Protein backbone atom coordinates (compact mmCIF):
# COMPACT_ATOMS: atom_id res chain seq x y z
CA UNK A 1 0.03 -0.05 -0.05
CA UNK A 2 1.60 3.26 1.34
CA UNK A 3 5.00 1.69 1.96
CA UNK A 4 6.40 2.80 -1.53
CA UNK A 5 4.77 6.14 -1.33
CA UNK A 6 6.80 7.04 1.75
CA UNK A 7 9.36 9.25 0.09
CA UNK A 8 6.80 10.78 -2.21
CA UNK A 9 4.55 11.65 0.64
CA UNK A 10 7.49 13.06 2.66
CA UNK A 11 8.61 15.21 -0.21
CA UNK A 12 5.01 16.51 -0.83
CA UNK A 13 4.57 17.66 2.79
CA UNK A 14 6.07 20.86 3.97
CA UNK A 15 9.85 20.08 4.57
CA UNK A 16 9.94 20.61 8.34
CA UNK A 17 13.59 20.08 8.91
CA UNK A 18 14.40 22.55 6.22
CA UNK A 19 11.75 25.05 7.45
CA UNK A 20 13.37 24.87 10.91
CA UNK A 21 16.91 25.38 9.43
CA UNK A 22 15.66 28.44 7.39
CA UNK A 23 13.89 29.97 10.37
CA UNK A 24 17.09 29.46 12.38
CA UNK A 25 19.14 31.03 9.56
CA UNK A 26 16.87 34.03 9.25
CA UNK A 27 16.43 34.65 13.08
CA UNK A 28 20.28 34.38 13.60
CA UNK A 29 20.88 36.73 10.75
CA UNK A 30 18.92 39.55 12.39
CA UNK A 31 21.37 40.34 15.17
CA UNK A 32 24.43 39.45 12.98
CA UNK A 33 23.44 42.00 10.30
CA UNK A 34 22.18 44.71 12.83
CA UNK A 35 25.08 44.49 15.14
CA UNK A 36 28.08 43.38 13.15
CA UNK A 37 27.49 43.54 9.26
CA UNK A 38 26.13 47.06 8.95
CA UNK A 39 29.11 48.55 11.04
CA UNK A 40 31.01 49.50 7.83
CA UNK A 41 28.15 51.78 6.78
CA UNK A 42 28.16 53.76 10.13
CA UNK A 43 30.18 56.85 10.69
CA UNK A 44 33.21 56.19 12.97
CA UNK A 45 32.40 56.26 16.82
CA UNK A 46 28.63 55.62 16.25
CA UNK A 47 28.69 51.90 17.10
CA UNK A 48 29.22 50.82 20.75
CA UNK A 49 32.84 50.04 21.62
CA UNK A 50 32.15 46.47 22.45
CA UNK A 51 30.54 45.92 18.95
CA UNK A 52 33.51 47.55 17.13
CA UNK A 53 35.96 45.47 19.23
CA UNK A 54 33.98 42.37 18.32
CA UNK A 55 34.28 43.26 14.54
CA UNK A 56 37.85 43.88 14.94
CA UNK A 57 38.56 40.64 16.73
CA UNK A 58 36.68 38.79 13.96
CA UNK A 59 38.39 40.59 11.25
CA UNK A 60 41.81 39.79 12.86
CA UNK A 61 41.09 36.25 13.63
CA UNK A 62 39.67 35.38 10.08
CA UNK A 63 41.81 37.83 8.21
CA UNK A 64 38.76 39.60 6.70
CA UNK A 65 39.79 43.14 5.57
CA UNK A 66 36.40 43.55 3.70
CA UNK A 67 34.60 44.17 6.97
CA UNK A 68 37.05 46.79 8.06
CA UNK A 69 37.75 48.52 4.91
CA UNK A 70 35.19 47.37 2.45
CA UNK A 71 35.69 47.95 -1.30
CA UNK A 72 32.90 49.90 -2.77
CA UNK A 73 31.29 46.82 -4.44
CA UNK A 74 31.30 45.02 -1.04
CA UNK A 75 29.80 48.15 0.59
CA UNK A 76 26.96 48.12 -2.11
CA UNK A 77 26.26 44.51 -1.01
CA UNK A 78 26.04 45.73 2.67
CA UNK A 79 23.52 48.42 1.73
CA UNK A 80 21.44 45.67 0.00
CA UNK A 81 21.75 43.62 3.32
CA UNK A 82 20.58 46.63 5.23
CA UNK A 83 17.54 47.83 3.04
CA UNK A 84 16.53 44.77 1.24
CA UNK A 85 17.58 41.73 3.20
CA UNK A 86 17.23 42.90 6.85
CA UNK A 87 13.43 43.94 6.59
CA UNK A 88 12.79 40.43 5.00
CA UNK A 89 14.53 38.44 7.79
CA UNK A 90 11.71 38.64 10.32
CA UNK A 91 9.09 37.92 7.59
CA UNK A 92 10.98 34.82 6.56
CA UNK A 93 11.62 33.65 9.95
CA UNK A 94 7.85 33.96 10.84
CA UNK A 95 6.86 31.96 7.59
CA UNK A 96 9.31 29.10 8.19
CA UNK A 97 8.55 29.05 11.94
CA UNK A 98 4.93 28.80 11.18
CA UNK A 99 5.58 26.28 8.52
CA UNK A 100 3.70 25.48 5.26
CA UNK A 101 3.42 29.24 4.13
CA UNK A 102 3.25 29.01 0.35
CA UNK A 103 3.31 32.75 0.15
CA UNK A 104 6.98 32.99 0.96
CA UNK A 105 7.91 31.06 -2.29
CA UNK A 106 8.39 34.19 -4.46
CA UNK A 107 10.11 36.39 -1.97
CA UNK A 108 12.38 33.50 -0.97
CA UNK A 109 13.34 32.73 -4.56
CA UNK A 110 14.23 36.60 -4.90
CA UNK A 111 16.08 36.57 -1.78
CA UNK A 112 18.13 33.38 -2.36
CA UNK A 113 18.98 34.26 -5.96
CA UNK A 114 20.21 37.82 -4.97
CA UNK A 115 22.25 36.53 -1.95
CA UNK A 116 23.84 33.56 -3.99
CA UNK A 117 24.86 36.08 -6.62
CA UNK A 118 26.43 38.32 -4.21
CA UNK A 119 28.13 35.50 -2.45
CA UNK A 120 29.74 34.24 -5.54
CA UNK A 121 31.37 37.47 -6.08
CA UNK A 122 32.54 37.66 -2.45
CA UNK A 123 33.91 34.10 -2.56
CA UNK A 124 35.72 34.68 -5.75
CA UNK A 125 37.33 37.74 -4.16
CA UNK A 126 38.45 35.79 -1.20
CA UNK A 127 39.86 33.03 -3.31
CA UNK A 128 41.57 35.07 -6.09
CA UNK A 129 42.22 38.68 -4.86
CA UNK A 130 45.91 39.78 -4.15
CA UNK A 131 45.60 40.88 -0.52
CA UNK A 132 49.25 41.63 -0.11
CA UNK A 133 48.68 45.36 -0.39
CA UNK A 134 45.74 45.38 1.97
CA UNK A 135 46.27 47.53 5.09
CA UNK A 136 44.09 45.26 7.19
CA UNK A 137 46.04 42.14 6.22
CA UNK A 138 43.81 39.88 4.27
CA UNK A 139 44.28 36.07 3.83
CA UNK A 140 47.69 35.20 2.38
CA UNK A 141 47.98 31.40 2.45
CA UNK A 142 45.40 29.00 0.95
CA UNK A 143 44.69 27.81 4.33
CA UNK A 144 43.82 31.45 5.55
CA UNK A 145 41.66 31.82 2.40
CA UNK A 146 39.76 28.67 3.07
CA UNK A 147 39.21 29.58 6.65
CA UNK A 148 37.60 32.97 5.69
CA UNK A 149 35.75 31.03 2.92
CA UNK A 150 34.27 28.78 5.67
CA UNK A 151 32.78 31.84 7.35
CA UNK A 152 31.00 33.02 4.20
CA UNK A 153 30.09 29.64 2.58
CA UNK A 154 27.00 28.99 4.88
CA UNK A 155 25.39 32.34 3.51
CA UNK A 156 25.84 30.65 0.02
CA UNK A 157 24.76 27.02 0.80
CA UNK A 158 21.72 27.78 2.88
CA UNK A 159 20.24 30.17 0.22
CA UNK A 160 20.89 27.64 -2.37
CA UNK A 161 19.11 24.96 -0.34
CA UNK A 162 16.26 27.63 0.08
CA UNK A 163 16.12 28.26 -3.59
CA UNK A 164 16.16 24.48 -4.35
CA UNK A 165 13.44 23.95 -1.90
CA UNK A 166 11.26 26.72 -3.38
CA UNK A 167 11.68 25.63 -6.96
CA UNK A 168 11.71 21.72 -6.53
CA UNK A 169 9.58 20.88 -3.48
CA UNK A 170 6.01 20.04 -4.57
CA UNK A 171 4.61 21.70 -1.36
CA UNK A 172 5.96 25.11 -2.60
CA UNK A 173 5.49 24.50 -6.40
CA UNK A 174 1.76 23.80 -5.97
CA UNK A 175 -0.37 26.93 -6.25
CA UNK A 176 -4.05 26.57 -5.52
CA UNK A 177 -6.17 27.58 -8.55
CA UNK A 178 -9.10 30.03 -7.81
CA UNK A 179 -12.52 28.98 -8.70
CA UNK A 180 -14.01 30.92 -11.58
CA UNK A 181 -17.52 32.31 -10.97
């Protein structure tokens, strides 16, 4: 009977483990963005000392000069994070915590495509840029590049999983047709 239909039924249902992962991703992104990621956009001395120290410690430990002296293209991505992504985070967190919200499909596709595109540029910069002239000391060795890459990689992989889920999971693909009167 239903034994062979197990995987098909599981795939058709809302993917709860993925929804929980996406909810955690968006919830955790709110404080990270608000307290850390947006600092390069603020005038010097505005952010509390504890937060600027935290950013400095991160940038030193992971050799990430982009967060201390962002190139203009990277700063443009931070503006996108501030004005496009940050307002979306609580909406997405709500949808995925609640579960089964098909209305999140289109905004999630837009979000995940945008973020994946920005992350490809960031990851390529980490892997291939010559940081030898960077005042803040970027990654020099392959090991340092891979360590920094490991910080950014989840912000590519989770949006790609989100995109795949929104495009391929039958729960999100199915749109109810309205009855014609």
